[in-house]
């Protein structure tokens, strides 16, 4: 992980910003993966509910 002069200066102003700049891609990738998993789970539950509703309607 290379640090540019700009990164260094931002880190001097706010160490948390330097950390966030360097780790943002990993954080977003993790959050998007978690969100996609939640959507898949909700979709599976919705399909199961539709199947139950169709059985009850018969």
C-alpha atoms as a PDB file:
ATOM      1  CA  UNK A   1       0.000   0.000   0.000  1.00  0.00           C
ATOM      2  CA  UNK A   2       1.814   3.083  -1.263  1.00  0.00           C
ATOM      3  CA  UNK A   3       1.212   6.421   0.402  1.00  0.00           C
ATOM      4  CA  UNK A   4       1.442   9.533  -1.707  1.00  0.00           C
ATOM      5  CA  UNK A   5       2.360  12.978  -0.466  1.00  0.00           C
ATOM      6  CA  UNK A   6      -1.319  13.924  -0.636  1.00  0.00           C
ATOM      7  CA  UNK A   7      -2.240  10.845   1.430  1.00  0.00           C
ATOM      8  CA  UNK A   8       0.423  11.764   3.965  1.00  0.00           C
ATOM      9  CA  UNK A   9      -0.825  15.343   4.260  1.00  0.00           C
ATOM     10  CA  UNK A  10      -4.436  14.165   4.669  1.00  0.00           C
ATOM     11  CA  UNK A  11      -3.237  11.713   7.303  1.00  0.00           C
ATOM     12  CA  UNK A  12      -1.512  14.528   9.173  1.00  0.00           C
ATOM     13  CA  UNK A  13      -4.790  16.469   9.208  1.00  0.00           C
ATOM     14  CA  UNK A  14      -6.924  13.471  10.142  1.00  0.00           C
ATOM     15  CA  UNK A  15      -5.424   9.990  10.769  1.00  0.00           C
ATOM     16  CA  UNK A  16      -8.872   8.404  10.470  1.00  0.00           C
ATOM     17  CA  UNK A  17      -9.261   9.848   6.970  1.00  0.00           C
ATOM     18  CA  UNK A  18      -5.982   8.247   5.870  1.00  0.00           C
ATOM     19  CA  UNK A  19      -7.144   4.869   7.170  1.00  0.00           C
ATOM     20  CA  UNK A  20     -10.541   5.274   5.506  1.00  0.00           C
ATOM     21  CA  UNK A  21      -8.982   6.317   2.182  1.00  0.00           C
ATOM     22  CA  UNK A  22      -6.832   3.192   2.166  1.00  0.00           C
ATOM     23  CA  UNK A  23      -9.540   0.735   3.283  1.00  0.00           C
ATOM     24  CA  UNK A  24     -12.708   2.096   1.638  1.00  0.00           C
ATOM     25  CA  UNK A  25     -12.655  -0.399  -1.261  1.00  0.00           C
ATOM     26  CA  UNK A  26     -12.555  -3.381   1.103  1.00  0.00           C
ATOM     27  CA  UNK A  27     -15.278  -1.913   3.302  1.00  0.00           C
ATOM     28  CA  UNK A  28     -17.586  -1.284   0.345  1.00  0.00           C
ATOM     29  CA  UNK A  29     -16.919  -4.736  -1.102  1.00  0.00           C
ATOM     30  CA  UNK A  30     -17.818  -6.311   2.256  1.00  0.00           C
ATOM     31  CA  UNK A  31     -20.981  -4.225   2.668  1.00  0.00           C
ATOM     32  CA  UNK A  32     -22.158  -4.934  -0.870  1.00  0.00           C
ATOM     33  CA  UNK A  33     -21.558  -8.656  -0.391  1.00  0.00           C
ATOM     34  CA  UNK A  34     -23.534  -8.618   2.863  1.00  0.00           C
ATOM     35  CA  UNK A  35     -26.350  -6.657   1.218  1.00  0.00           C
ATOM     36  CA  UNK A  36     -26.472  -9.080  -1.732  1.00  0.00           C
ATOM     37  CA  UNK A  37     -26.683 -12.029   0.690  1.00  0.00           C
ATOM     38  CA  UNK A  38     -29.593 -10.358   2.503  1.00  0.00           C
ATOM     39  CA  UNK A  39     -31.409  -9.754  -0.789  1.00  0.00           C
ATOM     40  CA  UNK A  40     -30.933 -13.402  -1.814  1.00  0.00           C
ATOM     41  CA  UNK A  41     -32.279 -14.592   1.547  1.00  0.00           C
ATOM     42  CA  UNK A  42     -35.310 -12.289   1.317  1.00  0.00           C
ATOM     43  CA  UNK A  43     -35.953 -13.475  -2.236  1.00  0.00           C
ATOM     44  CA  UNK A  44     -35.851 -17.109  -1.139  1.00  0.00           C
ATOM     45  CA  UNK A  45     -38.294 -16.371   1.691  1.00  0.00           C
ATOM     46  CA  UNK A  46     -40.630 -14.547  -0.689  1.00  0.00           C
ATOM     47  CA  UNK A  47     -40.600 -17.505  -3.093  1.00  0.00           C
ATOM     48  CA  UNK A  48     -41.426 -19.857  -0.223  1.00  0.00           C
ATOM     49  CA  UNK A  49     -44.336 -17.652   0.865  1.00  0.00           C
ATOM     50  CA  UNK A  50     -45.703 -17.537  -2.679  1.00  0.00           C
ATOM     51  CA  UNK A  51     -45.525 -21.319  -2.862  1.00  0.00           C
ATOM     52  CA  UNK A  52     -47.436 -21.634   0.419  1.00  0.00           C
ATOM     53  CA  UNK A  53     -50.040 -19.125  -0.753  1.00  0.00           C
ATOM     54  CA  UNK A  54     -50.531 -21.045  -4.006  1.00  0.00           C
ATOM     55  CA  UNK A  55     -50.994 -24.324  -2.115  1.00  0.00           C
ATOM     56  CA  UNK A  56     -53.539 -22.727   0.198  1.00  0.00           C
ATOM     57  CA  UNK A  57     -55.433 -21.204  -2.745  1.00  0.00           C
ATOM     58  CA  UNK A  58     -56.016 -24.600  -4.333  1.00  0.00           C
END
